[in-house]
């Protein structure tokens, strides 16, 4: 298509329906036309799932089959997509945080219930770190440990599983297309693997 013909706008509309956010703008309200109060994107999937997303300067509204949805994560259960853009190289060159987000994107699409545990994990970690920062008694710090360890172990296990799954795909590609070149991904959980997570917390 010609420059300015709307190629990127079409891709961004699809992406927004899948994520509730833009892949180009950090502030999605900037996507609203200057002469409009909001934008609305609507799609019908397989003729029986209707998704609508509207964005005003102050509000995001999501509806699926006339039901209001409170979490953007639900969108990806109905419309799962991954965009390949010129920024995709950041997966390799940027910080580990970018790679964790990509890996979790895979994990959460397959194990939908994990997203709720991940949200809980962030709350627990924030509170536990706050207790450490304010030098509260050890008993108050450890009060968060049991649930934190349980969720961390589950998320870490699933991350490892999908790294293994990706490596199985890479075996096929390196055999068929890469002349047997060694190509694999490894997973480092962020703590000393000679210790389990509980022992690392104690340390």
C-alpha atoms as a PDB file:
ATOM      1  CA  UNK A   1       0.000   0.000   0.000  1.00  0.00           C
ATOM      2  CA  UNK A   2       0.970   3.619  -0.534  1.00  0.00           C
ATOM      3  CA  UNK A   3       2.327   5.750   2.294  1.00  0.00           C
ATOM      4  CA  UNK A   4      -0.534   7.122   4.372  1.00  0.00           C
ATOM      5  CA  UNK A   5      -3.035   4.590   3.018  1.00  0.00           C
ATOM      6  CA  UNK A   6      -3.770   3.158   6.472  1.00  0.00           C
ATOM      7  CA  UNK A   7      -1.676  -0.024   6.702  1.00  0.00           C
ATOM      8  CA  UNK A   8      -0.359   0.738  10.175  1.00  0.00           C
ATOM      9  CA  UNK A   9      -3.769   1.955  11.364  1.00  0.00           C
ATOM     10  CA  UNK A  10      -5.308  -1.381  10.384  1.00  0.00           C
ATOM     11  CA  UNK A  11      -2.589  -3.336  12.204  1.00  0.00           C
ATOM     12  CA  UNK A  12      -2.886  -1.089  15.247  1.00  0.00           C
ATOM     13  CA  UNK A  13      -6.664  -1.589  15.340  1.00  0.00           C
ATOM     14  CA  UNK A  14      -6.220  -5.373  15.371  1.00  0.00           C
ATOM     15  CA  UNK A  15      -3.531  -5.128  18.037  1.00  0.00           C
ATOM     16  CA  UNK A  16      -5.703  -2.866  20.196  1.00  0.00           C
ATOM     17  CA  UNK A  17      -8.570  -5.368  19.979  1.00  0.00           C
ATOM     18  CA  UNK A  18      -6.195  -8.064  21.225  1.00  0.00           C
ATOM     19  CA  UNK A  19      -4.456  -6.120  24.010  1.00  0.00           C
ATOM     20  CA  UNK A  20      -6.403  -2.979  24.851  1.00  0.00           C
ATOM     21  CA  UNK A  21      -3.237  -0.992  24.171  1.00  0.00           C
ATOM     22  CA  UNK A  22      -1.136   0.280  21.288  1.00  0.00           C
ATOM     23  CA  UNK A  23       2.133  -1.162  20.015  1.00  0.00           C
ATOM     24  CA  UNK A  24       3.248   2.332  18.950  1.00  0.00           C
ATOM     25  CA  UNK A  25       1.926   4.785  21.525  1.00  0.00           C
ATOM     26  CA  UNK A  26       2.556   4.563  25.260  1.00  0.00           C
ATOM     27  CA  UNK A  27      -0.574   6.712  25.743  1.00  0.00           C
ATOM     28  CA  UNK A  28      -3.409   5.245  23.701  1.00  0.00           C
ATOM     29  CA  UNK A  29      -5.507   8.407  24.085  1.00  0.00           C
ATOM     30  CA  UNK A  30      -3.123   9.970  21.541  1.00  0.00           C
ATOM     31  CA  UNK A  31      -4.745   7.722  18.928  1.00  0.00           C
ATOM     32  CA  UNK A  32      -8.011   9.669  19.172  1.00  0.00           C
ATOM     33  CA  UNK A  33      -8.608  11.988  16.209  1.00  0.00           C
ATOM     34  CA  UNK A  34      -8.211  15.673  17.022  1.00  0.00           C
ATOM     35  CA  UNK A  35     -11.862  16.374  16.217  1.00  0.00           C
ATOM     36  CA  UNK A  36     -13.246  13.405  18.197  1.00  0.00           C
ATOM     37  CA  UNK A  37     -13.917  12.637  21.838  1.00  0.00           C
ATOM     38  CA  UNK A  38     -13.112   8.907  21.513  1.00  0.00           C
ATOM     39  CA  UNK A  39     -12.401   6.085  19.131  1.00  0.00           C
ATOM     40  CA  UNK A  40     -14.276   2.799  18.775  1.00  0.00           C
ATOM     41  CA  UNK A  41     -13.043  -0.480  17.315  1.00  0.00           C
ATOM     42  CA  UNK A  42     -15.476  -3.303  16.692  1.00  0.00           C
ATOM     43  CA  UNK A  43     -15.001  -6.831  15.363  1.00  0.00           C
ATOM     44  CA  UNK A  44     -17.017  -9.992  14.925  1.00  0.00           C
ATOM     45  CA  UNK A  45     -15.034 -13.214  15.332  1.00  0.00           C
ATOM     46  CA  UNK A  46     -16.385 -16.376  13.710  1.00  0.00           C
ATOM     47  CA  UNK A  47     -19.763 -14.618  13.447  1.00  0.00           C
ATOM     48  CA  UNK A  48     -20.669 -15.237  17.087  1.00  0.00           C
ATOM     49  CA  UNK A  49     -18.156 -13.360  19.275  1.00  0.00           C
ATOM     50  CA  UNK A  50     -18.532  -9.578  19.112  1.00  0.00           C
ATOM     51  CA  UNK A  51     -15.773  -7.436  20.597  1.00  0.00           C
ATOM     52  CA  UNK A  52     -15.923  -3.680  21.023  1.00  0.00           C
ATOM     53  CA  UNK A  53     -13.265  -1.406  22.509  1.00  0.00           C
ATOM     54  CA  UNK A  54     -13.704   2.327  22.958  1.00  0.00           C
ATOM     55  CA  UNK A  55     -11.136   4.800  24.267  1.00  0.00           C
ATOM     56  CA  UNK A  56     -11.762   8.342  25.405  1.00  0.00           C
ATOM     57  CA  UNK A  57      -9.269  10.714  26.985  1.00  0.00           C
ATOM     58  CA  UNK A  58     -10.077   9.355  30.446  1.00  0.00           C
ATOM     59  CA  UNK A  59     -11.695   5.954  29.988  1.00  0.00           C
ATOM     60  CA  UNK A  60     -11.288   2.564  28.326  1.00  0.00           C
ATOM     61  CA  UNK A  61     -14.433   0.491  27.809  1.00  0.00           C
ATOM     62  CA  UNK A  62     -14.384  -3.147  26.667  1.00  0.00           C
ATOM     63  CA  UNK A  63     -17.451  -5.179  25.733  1.00  0.00           C
ATOM     64  CA  UNK A  64     -17.644  -8.799  24.609  1.00  0.00           C
ATOM     65  CA  UNK A  65     -21.069  -9.943  23.442  1.00  0.00           C
ATOM     66  CA  UNK A  66     -22.672  -6.968  25.247  1.00  0.00           C
ATOM     67  CA  UNK A  67     -20.932  -7.835  28.544  1.00  0.00           C
ATOM     68  CA  UNK A  68     -18.637  -5.230  30.058  1.00  0.00           C
ATOM     69  CA  UNK A  69     -15.123  -6.569  30.702  1.00  0.00           C
ATOM     70  CA  UNK A  70     -12.873  -5.074  33.389  1.00  0.00           C
ATOM     71  CA  UNK A  71      -9.522  -6.591  32.360  1.00  0.00           C
ATOM     72  CA  UNK A  72      -7.666  -6.153  29.075  1.00  0.00           C
ATOM     73  CA  UNK A  73      -6.190  -9.629  29.532  1.00  0.00           C
ATOM     74  CA  UNK A  74      -9.552 -11.187  28.645  1.00  0.00           C
ATOM     75  CA  UNK A  75      -9.279  -9.752  25.119  1.00  0.00           C
ATOM     76  CA  UNK A  76      -6.326 -11.953  24.245  1.00  0.00           C
ATOM     77  CA  UNK A  77      -8.314 -15.080  25.096  1.00  0.00           C
ATOM     78  CA  UNK A  78     -10.571 -14.292  22.123  1.00  0.00           C
ATOM     79  CA  UNK A  79      -8.062 -12.682  19.770  1.00  0.00           C
ATOM     80  CA  UNK A  80      -4.527 -13.960  20.280  1.00  0.00           C
ATOM     81  CA  UNK A  81      -1.873 -12.366  18.117  1.00  0.00           C
ATOM     82  CA  UNK A  82       1.775 -11.389  18.182  1.00  0.00           C
ATOM     83  CA  UNK A  83       3.074  -8.528  16.078  1.00  0.00           C
ATOM     84  CA  UNK A  84       6.432  -8.653  14.319  1.00  0.00           C
ATOM     85  CA  UNK A  85       7.706  -5.122  13.864  1.00  0.00           C
ATOM     86  CA  UNK A  86      11.049  -3.351  13.384  1.00  0.00           C
ATOM     87  CA  UNK A  87      11.202  -3.204  17.204  1.00  0.00           C
ATOM     88  CA  UNK A  88      11.183  -7.009  17.497  1.00  0.00           C
ATOM     89  CA  UNK A  89      14.995  -6.997  17.750  1.00  0.00           C
ATOM     90  CA  UNK A  90      14.536  -5.585  21.278  1.00  0.00           C
ATOM     91  CA  UNK A  91      13.658  -9.125  22.359  1.00  0.00           C
ATOM     92  CA  UNK A  92      17.345  -9.959  21.888  1.00  0.00           C
ATOM     93  CA  UNK A  93      19.126  -6.662  22.483  1.00  0.00           C
ATOM     94  CA  UNK A  94      17.093  -5.126  25.298  1.00  0.00           C
ATOM     95  CA  UNK A  95      16.885  -5.925  29.011  1.00  0.00           C
ATOM     96  CA  UNK A  96      15.808  -9.296  30.495  1.00  0.00           C
ATOM     97  CA  UNK A  97      12.529  -7.613  31.472  1.00  0.00           C
ATOM     98  CA  UNK A  98      11.491  -7.558  27.775  1.00  0.00           C
ATOM     99  CA  UNK A  99      12.236 -11.287  27.421  1.00  0.00           C
ATOM    100  CA  UNK A 100      10.305 -12.093  30.608  1.00  0.00           C
ATOM    101  CA  UNK A 101       7.298 -10.193  29.279  1.00  0.00           C
ATOM    102  CA  UNK A 102       7.451 -12.116  25.997  1.00  0.00           C
ATOM    103  CA  UNK A 103       7.780 -15.455  27.776  1.00  0.00           C
ATOM    104  CA  UNK A 104       4.930 -14.617  30.158  1.00  0.00           C
ATOM    105  CA  UNK A 105       2.796 -13.582  27.174  1.00  0.00           C
ATOM    106  CA  UNK A 106       3.169 -17.161  25.895  1.00  0.00           C
ATOM    107  CA  UNK A 107       2.574 -18.727  29.313  1.00  0.00           C
ATOM    108  CA  UNK A 108      -0.514 -16.656  30.151  1.00  0.00           C
ATOM    109  CA  UNK A 109      -2.168 -17.379  26.798  1.00  0.00           C
ATOM    110  CA  UNK A 110      -1.913 -21.095  27.438  1.00  0.00           C
ATOM    111  CA  UNK A 111      -2.538 -21.045  31.202  1.00  0.00           C
ATOM    112  CA  UNK A 112      -5.133 -18.293  31.644  1.00  0.00           C
ATOM    113  CA  UNK A 113      -5.459 -18.793  35.407  1.00  0.00           C
ATOM    114  CA  UNK A 114      -1.790 -17.860  35.898  1.00  0.00           C
ATOM    115  CA  UNK A 115      -2.414 -14.208  35.038  1.00  0.00           C
ATOM    116  CA  UNK A 116      -4.455 -13.823  38.233  1.00  0.00           C
ATOM    117  CA  UNK A 117      -1.686 -15.436  40.272  1.00  0.00           C
ATOM    118  CA  UNK A 118       0.867 -13.198  38.602  1.00  0.00           C
ATOM    119  CA  UNK A 119      -1.123 -10.114  39.620  1.00  0.00           C
ATOM    120  CA  UNK A 120      -1.281 -11.475  43.174  1.00  0.00           C
ATOM    121  CA  UNK A 121       2.480 -12.127  43.030  1.00  0.00           C
ATOM    122  CA  UNK A 122       3.150  -8.462  42.233  1.00  0.00           C
ATOM    123  CA  UNK A 123       1.036  -7.336  45.216  1.00  0.00           C
ATOM    124  CA  UNK A 124       2.779  -9.764  47.583  1.00  0.00           C
ATOM    125  CA  UNK A 125       6.259  -8.826  46.369  1.00  0.00           C
ATOM    126  CA  UNK A 126       5.513  -5.103  46.745  1.00  0.00           C
ATOM    127  CA  UNK A 127       4.307  -5.621  50.316  1.00  0.00           C
ATOM    128  CA  UNK A 128       7.198  -7.886  51.253  1.00  0.00           C
ATOM    129  CA  UNK A 129       9.750  -5.459  49.806  1.00  0.00           C
ATOM    130  CA  UNK A 130       8.024  -2.655  51.713  1.00  0.00           C
ATOM    131  CA  UNK A 131       8.380  -4.650  54.929  1.00  0.00           C
ATOM    132  CA  UNK A 132      12.081  -5.143  54.222  1.00  0.00           C
ATOM    133  CA  UNK A 133      12.581  -1.472  53.377  1.00  0.00           C
ATOM    134  CA  UNK A 134      10.959  -0.341  56.619  1.00  0.00           C
ATOM    135  CA  UNK A 135      12.902  -2.961  58.637  1.00  0.00           C
ATOM    136  CA  UNK A 136       9.797  -4.561  60.093  1.00  0.00           C
ATOM    137  CA  UNK A 137      10.147  -7.649  62.337  1.00  0.00           C
ATOM    138  CA  UNK A 138      11.209 -10.834  60.555  1.00  0.00           C
ATOM    139  CA  UNK A 139       7.873 -12.468  61.400  1.00  0.00           C
ATOM    140  CA  UNK A 140       6.017  -9.765  59.424  1.00  0.00           C
ATOM    141  CA  UNK A 141       8.339 -10.203  56.452  1.00  0.00           C
ATOM    142  CA  UNK A 142       8.031 -13.992  56.481  1.00  0.00           C
ATOM    143  CA  UNK A 143       4.241 -13.737  56.654  1.00  0.00           C
ATOM    144  CA  UNK A 144       4.327 -13.135  52.878  1.00  0.00           C
ATOM    145  CA  UNK A 145       6.738 -15.969  52.059  1.00  0.00           C
ATOM    146  CA  UNK A 146       4.482 -19.007  51.809  1.00  0.00           C
ATOM    147  CA  UNK A 147       2.206 -17.621  49.095  1.00  0.00           C
ATOM    148  CA  UNK A 148       5.075 -15.836  47.339  1.00  0.00           C
ATOM    149  CA  UNK A 149       7.087 -19.069  47.096  1.00  0.00           C
ATOM    150  CA  UNK A 150       4.090 -21.075  45.870  1.00  0.00           C
ATOM    151  CA  UNK A 151       3.250 -18.635  43.057  1.00  0.00           C
ATOM    152  CA  UNK A 152       6.894 -18.052  42.092  1.00  0.00           C
ATOM    153  CA  UNK A 153       7.549 -21.793  41.792  1.00  0.00           C
ATOM    154  CA  UNK A 154       4.463 -22.262  39.600  1.00  0.00           C
ATOM    155  CA  UNK A 155       5.271 -19.371  37.272  1.00  0.00           C
ATOM    156  CA  UNK A 156       8.942 -20.376  37.053  1.00  0.00           C
ATOM    157  CA  UNK A 157       8.001 -23.987  36.235  1.00  0.00           C
ATOM    158  CA  UNK A 158       5.728 -22.837  33.401  1.00  0.00           C
ATOM    159  CA  UNK A 159       8.394 -20.510  32.041  1.00  0.00           C
ATOM    160  CA  UNK A 160      10.813 -23.445  31.936  1.00  0.00           C
ATOM    161  CA  UNK A 161       8.217 -25.630  30.219  1.00  0.00           C
ATOM    162  CA  UNK A 162       7.706 -23.149  27.391  1.00  0.00           C
ATOM    163  CA  UNK A 163      11.415 -22.502  26.955  1.00  0.00           C
ATOM    164  CA  UNK A 164      11.676 -26.278  26.490  1.00  0.00           C
ATOM    165  CA  UNK A 165       8.806 -26.145  24.004  1.00  0.00           C
ATOM    166  CA  UNK A 166      10.538 -23.390  22.010  1.00  0.00           C
ATOM    167  CA  UNK A 167      13.770 -25.395  22.013  1.00  0.00           C
ATOM    168  CA  UNK A 168      11.927 -28.377  20.531  1.00  0.00           C
ATOM    169  CA  UNK A 169      10.845 -26.122  17.654  1.00  0.00           C
ATOM    170  CA  UNK A 170      14.403 -24.832  17.253  1.00  0.00           C
ATOM    171  CA  UNK A 171      15.682 -28.412  16.862  1.00  0.00           C
ATOM    172  CA  UNK A 172      13.436 -28.749  13.802  1.00  0.00           C
ATOM    173  CA  UNK A 173      14.493 -25.418  12.296  1.00  0.00           C
ATOM    174  CA  UNK A 174      18.216 -25.817  12.870  1.00  0.00           C
ATOM    175  CA  UNK A 175      18.116 -29.306  11.310  1.00  0.00           C
ATOM    176  CA  UNK A 176      16.092 -28.227   8.286  1.00  0.00           C
ATOM    177  CA  UNK A 177      17.322 -24.705   7.631  1.00  0.00           C
ATOM    178  CA  UNK A 178      20.455 -23.923   9.628  1.00  0.00           C
ATOM    179  CA  UNK A 179      22.814 -26.773   8.707  1.00  0.00           C
ATOM    180  CA  UNK A 180      22.788 -28.170  12.229  1.00  0.00           C
ATOM    181  CA  UNK A 181      23.992 -24.892  13.799  1.00  0.00           C
ATOM    182  CA  UNK A 182      23.755 -24.943  17.600  1.00  0.00           C
ATOM    183  CA  UNK A 183      20.755 -22.841  18.513  1.00  0.00           C
ATOM    184  CA  UNK A 184      18.866 -22.973  21.816  1.00  0.00           C
ATOM    185  CA  UNK A 185      17.404 -20.818  24.571  1.00  0.00           C
ATOM    186  CA  UNK A 186      18.237 -21.144  28.248  1.00  0.00           C
ATOM    187  CA  UNK A 187      16.301 -20.024  31.294  1.00  0.00           C
ATOM    188  CA  UNK A 188      17.787 -18.363  34.374  1.00  0.00           C
ATOM    189  CA  UNK A 189      15.212 -17.755  37.114  1.00  0.00           C
ATOM    190  CA  UNK A 190      17.014 -14.834  38.771  1.00  0.00           C
ATOM    191  CA  UNK A 191      18.313 -16.609  41.861  1.00  0.00           C
ATOM    192  CA  UNK A 192      21.016 -19.174  42.592  1.00  0.00           C
ATOM    193  CA  UNK A 193      19.725 -22.403  41.040  1.00  0.00           C
ATOM    194  CA  UNK A 194      21.759 -24.446  43.546  1.00  0.00           C
ATOM    195  CA  UNK A 195      19.226 -23.196  46.071  1.00  0.00           C
ATOM    196  CA  UNK A 196      15.458 -23.306  45.795  1.00  0.00           C
ATOM    197  CA  UNK A 197      13.509 -20.052  45.940  1.00  0.00           C
ATOM    198  CA  UNK A 198      12.726 -20.435  49.637  1.00  0.00           C
ATOM    199  CA  UNK A 199      16.394 -20.838  50.528  1.00  0.00           C
ATOM    200  CA  UNK A 200      17.239 -17.816  48.368  1.00  0.00           C
ATOM    201  CA  UNK A 201      14.698 -15.681  50.233  1.00  0.00           C
ATOM    202  CA  UNK A 202      16.240 -16.687  53.558  1.00  0.00           C
ATOM    203  CA  UNK A 203      19.686 -15.746  52.276  1.00  0.00           C
END
